[in-house]
């Protein structure tokens, strides 16, 4: 059987677009992996959500 790591397609680093390295996949280096982690922890990758506002005729709910 083939090694599944070798079947992985080569893709560029998502941070700097250099060729990715197997040791740091999908990144090219530890530095780019740390940059990505910092972006996650800093909230840069957050998905915007719409707030649900009550209809004008609807009474606001009170916490119980």
C-alpha atoms as a PDB file:
ATOM      1  CA  UNK A   1       0.000   0.000   0.000  1.00  0.00           C
ATOM      2  CA  UNK A   2       1.106   3.564  -0.651  1.00  0.00           C
ATOM      3  CA  UNK A   3       1.925   6.030   2.086  1.00  0.00           C
ATOM      4  CA  UNK A   4      -1.021   8.525   2.345  1.00  0.00           C
ATOM      5  CA  UNK A   5       1.382  11.419   2.984  1.00  0.00           C
ATOM      6  CA  UNK A   6       2.951  10.925  -0.440  1.00  0.00           C
ATOM      7  CA  UNK A   7      -0.462  11.033  -2.126  1.00  0.00           C
ATOM      8  CA  UNK A   8      -1.123  14.520  -0.758  1.00  0.00           C
ATOM      9  CA  UNK A   9      -1.040  17.081  -3.600  1.00  0.00           C
ATOM     10  CA  UNK A  10       1.664  19.750  -3.468  1.00  0.00           C
ATOM     11  CA  UNK A  11       0.168  23.131  -2.652  1.00  0.00           C
ATOM     12  CA  UNK A  12       1.771  26.466  -1.924  1.00  0.00           C
ATOM     13  CA  UNK A  13       2.034  27.795   1.607  1.00  0.00           C
ATOM     14  CA  UNK A  14      -1.209  29.688   2.409  1.00  0.00           C
ATOM     15  CA  UNK A  15       0.787  32.478   4.105  1.00  0.00           C
ATOM     16  CA  UNK A  16       3.647  33.262   1.691  1.00  0.00           C
ATOM     17  CA  UNK A  17       2.907  31.067  -1.376  1.00  0.00           C
ATOM     18  CA  UNK A  18       6.297  29.295  -1.262  1.00  0.00           C
ATOM     19  CA  UNK A  19       6.240  25.509  -1.825  1.00  0.00           C
ATOM     20  CA  UNK A  20       4.999  23.724   1.302  1.00  0.00           C
ATOM     21  CA  UNK A  21       7.295  21.408   3.237  1.00  0.00           C
ATOM     22  CA  UNK A  22       6.143  18.017   4.498  1.00  0.00           C
ATOM     23  CA  UNK A  23       7.468  18.746   7.994  1.00  0.00           C
ATOM     24  CA  UNK A  24       5.288  21.869   8.346  1.00  0.00           C
ATOM     25  CA  UNK A  25       2.417  20.919   6.005  1.00  0.00           C
ATOM     26  CA  UNK A  26       0.523  22.894   4.740  1.00  0.00           C
ATOM     27  CA  UNK A  27       3.077  25.612   5.497  1.00  0.00           C
ATOM     28  CA  UNK A  28       6.621  26.116   4.235  1.00  0.00           C
ATOM     29  CA  UNK A  29       8.184  26.806   7.631  1.00  0.00           C
ATOM     30  CA  UNK A  30       7.551  27.013  11.352  1.00  0.00           C
ATOM     31  CA  UNK A  31       7.381  30.808  11.001  1.00  0.00           C
ATOM     32  CA  UNK A  32       4.417  30.649   8.596  1.00  0.00           C
ATOM     33  CA  UNK A  33       2.688  28.121  10.875  1.00  0.00           C
ATOM     34  CA  UNK A  34       3.108  30.573  13.788  1.00  0.00           C
ATOM     35  CA  UNK A  35       1.774  33.467  11.686  1.00  0.00           C
ATOM     36  CA  UNK A  36      -1.330  31.390  10.887  1.00  0.00           C
ATOM     37  CA  UNK A  37      -1.812  30.440  14.553  1.00  0.00           C
ATOM     38  CA  UNK A  38      -1.554  34.113  15.530  1.00  0.00           C
ATOM     39  CA  UNK A  39      -4.220  35.003  12.980  1.00  0.00           C
ATOM     40  CA  UNK A  40      -6.554  32.341  14.392  1.00  0.00           C
ATOM     41  CA  UNK A  41      -5.978  33.451  17.978  1.00  0.00           C
ATOM     42  CA  UNK A  42      -6.358  37.111  17.012  1.00  0.00           C
ATOM     43  CA  UNK A  43      -9.774  36.504  15.422  1.00  0.00           C
ATOM     44  CA  UNK A  44      -8.730  37.384  11.865  1.00  0.00           C
ATOM     45  CA  UNK A  45     -10.395  34.232  10.520  1.00  0.00           C
ATOM     46  CA  UNK A  46     -13.749  34.831  12.218  1.00  0.00           C
ATOM     47  CA  UNK A  47     -16.866  34.260  10.166  1.00  0.00           C
ATOM     48  CA  UNK A  48     -19.187  37.279  10.323  1.00  0.00           C
ATOM     49  CA  UNK A  49     -22.652  36.497  11.628  1.00  0.00           C
ATOM     50  CA  UNK A  50     -25.881  38.419  11.269  1.00  0.00           C
ATOM     51  CA  UNK A  51     -27.514  39.451  14.524  1.00  0.00           C
ATOM     52  CA  UNK A  52     -31.138  38.518  14.992  1.00  0.00           C
ATOM     53  CA  UNK A  53     -33.045  41.651  15.871  1.00  0.00           C
ATOM     54  CA  UNK A  54     -36.578  41.260  17.237  1.00  0.00           C
ATOM     55  CA  UNK A  55     -39.462  42.450  15.091  1.00  0.00           C
ATOM     56  CA  UNK A  56     -40.868  45.904  16.061  1.00  0.00           C
ATOM     57  CA  UNK A  57     -44.093  44.372  17.445  1.00  0.00           C
ATOM     58  CA  UNK A  58     -42.271  41.642  19.399  1.00  0.00           C
ATOM     59  CA  UNK A  59     -41.556  42.066  23.121  1.00  0.00           C
ATOM     60  CA  UNK A  60     -37.911  41.486  24.162  1.00  0.00           C
ATOM     61  CA  UNK A  61     -37.364  38.294  26.175  1.00  0.00           C
ATOM     62  CA  UNK A  62     -36.153  38.515  29.746  1.00  0.00           C
ATOM     63  CA  UNK A  63     -33.547  36.154  31.132  1.00  0.00           C
ATOM     64  CA  UNK A  64     -34.945  33.697  33.667  1.00  0.00           C
END
